[in-house]
Protein backbone atom coordinates (compact mmCIF):
# COMPACT_ATOMS: atom_id res chain seq x y z
CA MET A 1 7.87 4.47 -22.94
CA ASP A 2 6.29 5.91 -26.08
CA ALA A 3 2.79 4.03 -26.61
CA ALA A 4 4.98 0.60 -28.88
CA ASP A 5 6.56 0.22 -26.04
CA ARG A 6 3.70 0.26 -23.61
CA LYS A 7 2.11 -2.35 -24.93
CA LEU A 8 5.30 -5.09 -25.35
CA PHE A 9 5.68 -4.49 -22.24
CA GLY A 10 2.44 -5.05 -21.27
CA ASP A 11 1.63 -8.07 -23.69
CA SER A 12 5.34 -9.31 -22.34
CA LEU A 13 3.70 -9.38 -18.71
CA ARG A 14 0.60 -11.20 -20.10
CA GLN A 15 2.59 -13.57 -21.51
CA ALA A 16 5.34 -13.84 -18.53
CA VAL A 17 1.87 -14.29 -15.65
CA ALA A 18 0.18 -16.85 -17.89
CA GLY A 19 -1.49 -19.44 -14.99
CA SER A 20 -0.28 -17.92 -12.53
CA ASP A 21 -1.97 -15.73 -9.71
CA HIS A 22 0.93 -13.66 -8.44
CA ALA A 23 2.74 -11.21 -10.37
CA ASP A 24 5.75 -10.24 -8.43
CA ALA A 25 8.13 -12.88 -10.10
CA ALA A 26 7.13 -11.43 -13.65
CA LEU A 27 7.26 -7.81 -12.84
CA ALA A 28 11.15 -8.84 -11.28
CA ALA A 29 11.88 -10.64 -14.88
CA LEU A 30 10.75 -7.57 -17.29
CA ASP A 31 12.68 -5.01 -14.88
CA TRP A 32 9.52 -3.55 -14.17
CA ARG A 33 11.09 -1.09 -12.01
CA ALA A 34 13.19 0.19 -15.00
CA ALA A 35 10.26 1.19 -16.69
CA LEU A 36 8.62 2.75 -13.72
CA ALA A 37 12.01 5.39 -13.38
CA ASP A 38 11.10 5.99 -16.80
CA ASP A 39 7.74 6.60 -17.30
CA PRO A 40 6.57 6.63 -14.09
CA ALA A 41 2.55 7.10 -15.84
CA GLY A 42 2.57 4.90 -18.02
CA ALA A 43 4.49 1.98 -16.49
CA THR A 44 1.87 2.31 -13.67
CA ARG A 45 -1.05 2.39 -15.50
CA VAL A 46 -0.37 -0.65 -17.58
CA VAL A 47 0.70 -3.01 -14.56
CA PHE A 48 -1.74 -1.94 -12.93
CA ALA A 49 -4.20 -2.39 -15.37
CA ILE A 50 -3.27 -6.09 -16.07
CA LEU A 51 -3.01 -6.75 -12.06
CA GLY A 52 -6.78 -5.69 -12.63
CA GLU A 53 -7.77 -7.08 -15.73
CA LEU A 54 -6.51 -10.81 -14.09
CA ASN A 55 -6.96 -10.55 -10.38
CA LEU A 56 -3.13 -11.04 -9.78
CA ALA A 57 -1.94 -10.22 -6.51
CA SER A 58 1.06 -8.39 -6.66
CA SER A 59 3.69 -6.37 -4.27
CA ALA A 60 4.04 -3.67 -7.16
CA ILE A 61 2.45 -0.65 -5.14
CA ASP A 62 5.38 -0.65 -3.17
CA ASP A 63 7.92 -0.22 -6.06
CA VAL A 64 5.15 2.68 -6.85
CA LEU A 65 5.19 4.52 -3.11
CA THR A 66 8.83 4.17 -3.24
CA TYR A 67 9.63 5.87 -5.76
CA ALA A 68 7.46 8.37 -5.55
CA LEU A 69 8.49 9.38 -1.72
CA GLY A 70 12.31 9.97 -3.76
CA LEU A 71 13.84 6.81 -3.54
CA GLU A 72 14.93 3.94 -5.28
CA PRO A 73 12.68 0.62 -5.54
CA SER A 74 13.62 -2.37 -4.67
CA GLU A 75 12.77 -6.15 -3.34
CA ASP A 76 15.19 -4.81 -0.31
CA ARG A 77 12.36 -2.24 0.67
CA ALA A 78 8.90 -2.44 1.34
CA VAL A 79 6.15 0.85 2.73
CA VAL A 80 3.74 0.50 5.81
CA LEU A 81 1.01 1.44 3.73
CA PRO A 82 -2.65 3.33 6.35
CA SER A 83 -4.72 0.91 7.60
CA LEU A 84 -7.65 0.29 5.76
CA GLY A 85 -9.93 2.61 5.34
CA GLY A 86 -7.06 5.54 5.60
CA HIS A 87 -4.80 7.96 3.58
CA LEU A 88 -2.82 9.34 6.51
CA PRO A 89 0.73 8.11 7.28
CA PRO A 90 0.66 4.77 9.63
CA ALA A 91 3.15 5.62 12.29
CA THR A 92 3.52 8.96 14.79
CA TYR A 93 6.51 10.00 16.69
CA GLU A 94 7.60 10.87 19.76
CA ARG A 95 10.08 11.42 21.95
CA ALA A 96 12.86 9.53 19.35
CA GLU A 97 10.29 6.69 18.84
CA VAL A 98 7.71 5.51 15.82
CA THR A 99 4.64 4.12 16.83
CA VAL A 100 3.16 2.29 13.57
CA ASP A 101 0.02 0.29 13.04
CA GLY A 102 -0.93 0.10 9.07
CA LEU A 103 -0.43 -3.20 6.37
CA ALA A 104 2.23 -4.13 4.61
CA THR A 105 2.27 -6.24 1.39
CA THR A 106 3.98 -10.05 1.46
CA ARG A 107 7.34 -7.10 0.38
CA ILE A 108 7.36 -7.25 3.90
CA THR A 109 8.60 -10.76 4.61
CA VAL A 110 11.82 -10.77 2.02
CA ALA A 111 12.35 -7.39 2.67
CA ASN A 112 15.38 -5.27 4.28
CA GLN A 113 14.03 -1.72 4.85
CA ALA A 114 10.48 -1.22 6.10
CA ILE A 115 9.43 2.53 4.60
CA VAL A 116 7.51 3.79 7.37
CA THR A 117 6.16 6.92 7.04
CA ILE A 118 5.00 9.61 9.96
CA ASP A 119 2.36 11.56 9.91
CA GLY A 120 3.91 15.59 12.22
CA GLY A 121 1.09 16.97 11.08
CA LYS A 122 1.81 20.08 8.92
CA GLN A 123 4.96 18.07 7.56
CA MET A 124 4.83 14.14 6.83
CA PHE A 125 8.33 12.33 7.37
CA LEU A 126 9.83 8.87 6.47
CA SER A 127 12.12 6.30 8.54
CA ARG A 128 13.87 3.36 7.41
CA LEU A 129 13.36 0.68 9.86
CA SER A 130 14.51 -3.18 9.36
CA PRO A 131 11.38 -5.26 9.74
CA GLU A 132 12.68 -7.22 12.32
CA ALA A 133 11.81 -4.50 14.96
CA LEU A 134 8.49 -4.59 14.15
CA ASP A 135 5.29 -7.12 14.50
CA VAL A 136 5.14 -8.77 11.72
CA THR A 137 0.75 -10.81 11.59
CA ALA A 138 -0.33 -12.79 8.43
CA ILE A 139 -3.91 -11.35 8.06
CA ASP A 140 -6.66 -14.37 6.84
CA GLY A 141 -8.99 -11.75 6.36
CA ILE A 142 -11.14 -11.60 2.87
CA ASP A 143 -8.26 -11.77 0.91
CA PRO A 144 -5.82 -14.29 2.08
CA ALA A 145 -4.77 -15.08 -1.79
CA ALA A 146 -3.30 -11.73 -1.40
CA GLY A 147 -0.74 -12.13 1.38
CA TRP A 148 -1.54 -8.72 3.20
CA ARG A 149 -0.04 -8.34 6.64
CA ARG A 150 -0.68 -5.64 9.26
CA ILE A 151 2.18 -4.01 11.31
CA HIS A 152 2.06 -2.50 14.10
CA GLY A 153 5.03 -1.39 16.89
CA THR A 154 7.40 0.80 18.58
CA ALA A 155 10.69 1.57 17.35
CA LYS A 156 13.27 3.68 18.00
CA VAL A 157 14.55 6.19 15.00
CA SER A 158 17.61 8.34 14.43
CA ASP A 159 17.18 9.24 10.85
CA LEU A 160 13.92 11.00 9.67
CA LYS A 161 13.39 12.65 6.14
CA ALA A 162 10.62 14.83 5.37
CA ILE A 163 8.73 13.70 2.36
CA ASP A 164 6.10 15.07 -0.11
CA TRP A 165 3.27 12.68 0.97
CA ASP A 166 0.80 14.39 -1.68
CA ARG A 167 2.89 12.96 -4.34
CA ALA A 168 3.35 9.36 -2.68
CA LEU A 169 -0.51 9.36 -1.87
CA THR A 170 -1.32 10.75 -4.92
CA ALA A 171 0.49 7.94 -6.83
CA GLY A 172 -0.59 5.01 -5.25
CA GLN A 173 -4.32 6.41 -5.77
CA LEU A 174 -4.05 5.71 -9.76
CA ALA A 175 -2.09 2.70 -9.67
CA LEU A 176 -4.87 1.60 -7.73
CA ALA A 177 -8.12 3.47 -9.41
CA GLN A 178 -6.40 1.78 -12.41
CA GLN A 179 -6.59 -2.07 -11.25
CA LEU A 180 -10.42 -1.56 -9.84
CA THR A 181 -11.24 -0.41 -13.11
CA SER A 182 -9.75 -2.88 -14.83
CA ALA A 183 -11.39 -5.42 -12.53
CA ALA A 184 -14.80 -4.17 -12.75
CA ARG A 185 -14.56 -4.15 -16.72
CA ALA A 186 -13.17 -7.80 -16.33
CA MET A 187 -16.28 -8.86 -13.95
CA LEU A 188 -18.66 -7.17 -15.63
CA GLY A 189 -17.04 -8.85 -19.17
CA LEU A 190 -17.55 -12.20 -16.84
CA ALA A 191 -21.20 -11.17 -16.59
CA THR A 192 -21.59 -10.32 -20.17
CA GLU A 193 -20.53 -13.62 -21.61
CA HIS A 194 -22.61 -15.69 -18.64
CA ALA A 195 -25.78 -14.03 -19.72
CA LYS A 196 -24.76 -15.07 -23.31
CA SER A 197 -24.31 -18.54 -22.46
CA ARG A 198 -26.74 -19.09 -19.97
CA SER A 199 -30.69 -19.60 -21.08
CA GLN A 200 -33.80 -19.27 -19.58
CA PHE A 201 -37.44 -20.13 -21.43
CA ASP A 202 -35.15 -20.96 -24.58
CA ARG A 203 -34.33 -17.06 -24.44
CA SER A 204 -30.88 -16.33 -23.92
CA ILE A 205 -30.57 -14.34 -20.37
CA GLY A 206 -29.41 -11.83 -21.73
CA SER A 207 -32.03 -10.78 -24.02
CA PHE A 208 -34.41 -9.56 -20.63
CA GLN A 209 -34.46 -6.69 -19.99
CA ALA A 210 -33.75 -6.39 -16.38
CA VAL A 211 -30.79 -8.46 -16.99
CA ARG A 212 -29.20 -5.83 -20.08
CA HIS A 213 -30.39 -2.65 -17.27
CA LYS A 214 -27.95 -4.14 -15.05
CA LEU A 215 -25.05 -5.10 -17.04
CA ALA A 216 -25.69 -1.42 -18.81
CA GLU A 217 -25.49 0.38 -15.71
CA SER A 218 -22.46 -1.64 -15.11
CA LEU A 219 -20.60 -0.13 -18.46
CA VAL A 220 -22.27 3.02 -16.90
CA ALA A 221 -20.12 3.20 -14.11
CA ILE A 222 -16.31 1.82 -15.61
CA GLU A 223 -16.94 4.39 -18.26
CA GLY A 224 -17.49 7.30 -15.32
CA ALA A 225 -13.87 5.85 -13.75
CA ASP A 226 -11.81 5.60 -17.35
CA ALA A 227 -13.55 9.20 -17.64
CA ALA A 228 -12.21 10.16 -14.20
CA LEU A 229 -8.96 8.26 -14.65
CA ASP A 230 -7.91 9.53 -17.88
CA ALA A 231 -8.32 13.28 -15.71
CA GLY A 232 -6.44 12.05 -12.72
CA TRP A 233 -3.28 10.71 -15.24
CA ALA A 234 -3.18 13.30 -16.97
CA ASN A 235 -3.37 16.24 -14.21
CA PRO A 236 -1.70 14.17 -11.80
CA SER A 237 -3.12 16.35 -8.70
CA PRO A 238 -3.95 15.35 -5.34
CA PHE A 239 -7.54 15.76 -5.49
CA ALA A 240 -7.68 14.42 -9.29
CA ALA A 241 -6.59 11.24 -7.47
CA MET A 242 -8.92 11.18 -4.36
CA ILE A 243 -11.72 11.68 -7.25
CA ALA A 244 -10.46 9.23 -9.41
CA LYS A 245 -10.12 6.25 -6.50
CA SER A 246 -13.33 7.03 -5.31
CA ILE A 247 -15.23 6.96 -8.29
CA ALA A 248 -13.50 4.02 -9.34
CA GLY A 249 -13.81 2.30 -5.72
CA SER A 250 -17.81 2.76 -6.04
CA ALA A 251 -17.89 1.25 -9.78
CA ALA A 252 -16.24 -1.54 -8.71
CA LYS A 253 -19.11 -2.59 -6.35
CA THR A 254 -21.67 -1.20 -8.85
CA VAL A 255 -20.19 -3.50 -10.58
CA ALA A 256 -19.84 -6.31 -8.31
CA LYS A 257 -23.56 -5.96 -7.54
CA HIS A 258 -25.05 -6.58 -10.68
CA ALA A 259 -22.33 -9.09 -12.13
CA GLN A 260 -23.68 -11.67 -8.71
CA GLN A 261 -27.32 -10.99 -10.01
CA VAL A 262 -26.31 -11.92 -13.27
CA LEU A 263 -24.56 -14.44 -12.52
CA ALA A 264 -26.92 -15.87 -9.79
CA GLY A 265 -25.45 -19.37 -8.05
CA MET A 266 -22.47 -19.58 -10.25
CA GLY A 267 -21.01 -16.06 -8.55
CA PHE A 268 -20.62 -18.07 -5.42
CA THR A 269 -18.73 -21.27 -6.54
CA SER A 270 -14.98 -21.63 -5.58
CA GLU A 271 -14.74 -22.60 -9.37
CA HIS A 272 -15.95 -19.55 -11.09
CA PRO A 273 -13.33 -16.46 -11.44
CA PHE A 274 -15.68 -14.27 -10.01
CA PRO A 275 -15.68 -14.40 -6.08
CA GLY A 276 -11.67 -14.11 -7.27
CA TYR A 277 -12.37 -10.40 -7.97
CA LEU A 278 -14.95 -9.74 -5.90
CA LYS A 279 -12.84 -9.82 -2.45
CA ARG A 280 -10.08 -8.15 -4.42
CA THR A 281 -11.86 -5.36 -5.12
CA MET A 282 -13.44 -5.64 -1.71
CA VAL A 283 -9.67 -4.49 -0.10
CA LEU A 284 -8.24 -2.53 -2.44
CA ASP A 285 -11.33 0.36 -2.31
CA GLN A 286 -10.41 0.56 1.26
CA LEU A 287 -6.47 0.68 0.41
CA LEU A 288 -5.76 4.59 0.62
CA GLY A 289 -9.06 5.95 1.36
CA SER A 290 -12.12 4.05 0.83
CA SER A 291 -14.11 5.13 -1.76
CA ALA A 292 -16.51 6.21 0.92
CA SER A 293 -14.30 8.06 2.69
CA LEU A 294 -12.63 10.14 -0.40
CA ARG A 295 -16.13 10.94 -1.08
CA ALA A 296 -16.66 12.96 2.34
CA GLU A 297 -13.24 14.54 2.65
CA ILE A 298 -13.82 15.57 -1.34
CA GLY A 299 -17.50 17.20 -0.54
CA ARG A 300 -15.52 18.29 3.00
CA SER A 301 -12.93 20.39 0.94
CA VAL A 302 -15.62 22.10 -1.65
CA VAL A 303 -17.36 23.57 0.97
CA GLU A 304 -14.18 24.58 2.35
CA SER A 305 -12.51 26.43 0.06
CA GLY A 306 -16.45 27.47 -1.89
CA GLU A 307 -14.97 26.13 -5.51
CA ILE A 308 -14.72 23.06 -7.92
CA PRO A 309 -11.07 22.63 -8.70
CA LYS A 310 -10.68 21.64 -12.38
CA LEU A 311 -9.94 17.85 -13.56
CA LEU A 312 -8.67 19.58 -16.49
CA PRO A 313 -7.74 22.88 -18.17
CA LEU A 314 -10.83 23.64 -20.15
C-alpha cells in the first residue's frame, strides 16, 4: 500500500467502526488480512493507531503474530500470548506434552486452532492445538470489555515447528506500541479539551500554569514515543521494538496520570471516555513485556554487550 491507500484504508476503518466498541467485524469486512499480507508494517500501523485512538477492542494482534510466525492469518487461528508482563513463549515442552499458561483474545472462543509457541531455550517452537484441549477461562479484571481469556493446561503434541520468536515478538511489540501511543494522544486530547472548556475563578483552567505544565509534559512523552516508533518501524529489530514498546508504555502512564489530574472528578465517571482508555492502556502496557521489565532488559543487554545499538543508521 502507498500513502494514499493507507489513508483510504484508515478512513474506511474509522467509518466502519462508528458506534462500535469492537473492531473485528469491520476489519473482516475491509479484508484487513489481505492488507497485512500486502504491507505488514503499513497495515499494522494504520490499524493499531485507530484501535488506540478510538479505544477499540480487537483480536488483530492474533493476525499480526500469526503472520510473523509464518502462518496465514485466519479467523480460525488464535495465538496464545505470554502472561501479563512477560514476553517469552507461554508454553514449555517435555515428553511429547506442552504445558501452557498464557492469555488469548476473544478469537480463541471461535477459533479451531490455538497457535501455541513453546520456549525451548535456544530454539523456540510452534504447535497447533485444538482450543478444546486447553482450559479457557474468561478474565473479568480491570478491562472486561476487551474479552481476554486465560489459557492453561497440558496437551499431547506431535507436530513441532521451529520458529523465529524474535521476529514475531518484534511485530507484536511494535503493534502494541502504536496502539499505546495513539491511546495516549487520545487521552491528552480529552484532557486538553476539558482544560479549554472548564472555568474556575472566571478563567479557563487551561490558563493555569500547573495545568499547562501537565499537558506539556504529556505532549513531550507522546512525541518521544512517536520518535521511538518511527525508528522501530523504519528498522524493525528486536532492540528497536523493545525500546518502542517500553517508551510507549511509559508515555501512556505519564499521560494517564496527568490527564486524570486535569480532568479531576470527570475522569472518574463511567460516562466519560477517559476511564476506558486508562484501563485499556494499563493492560496493553503489560502485554508482550511491560515498560518496566523491558527497560530492565534493555539495560542488561547494554551492560552485557558494552555498547548501545543504533536505532537508525546515521
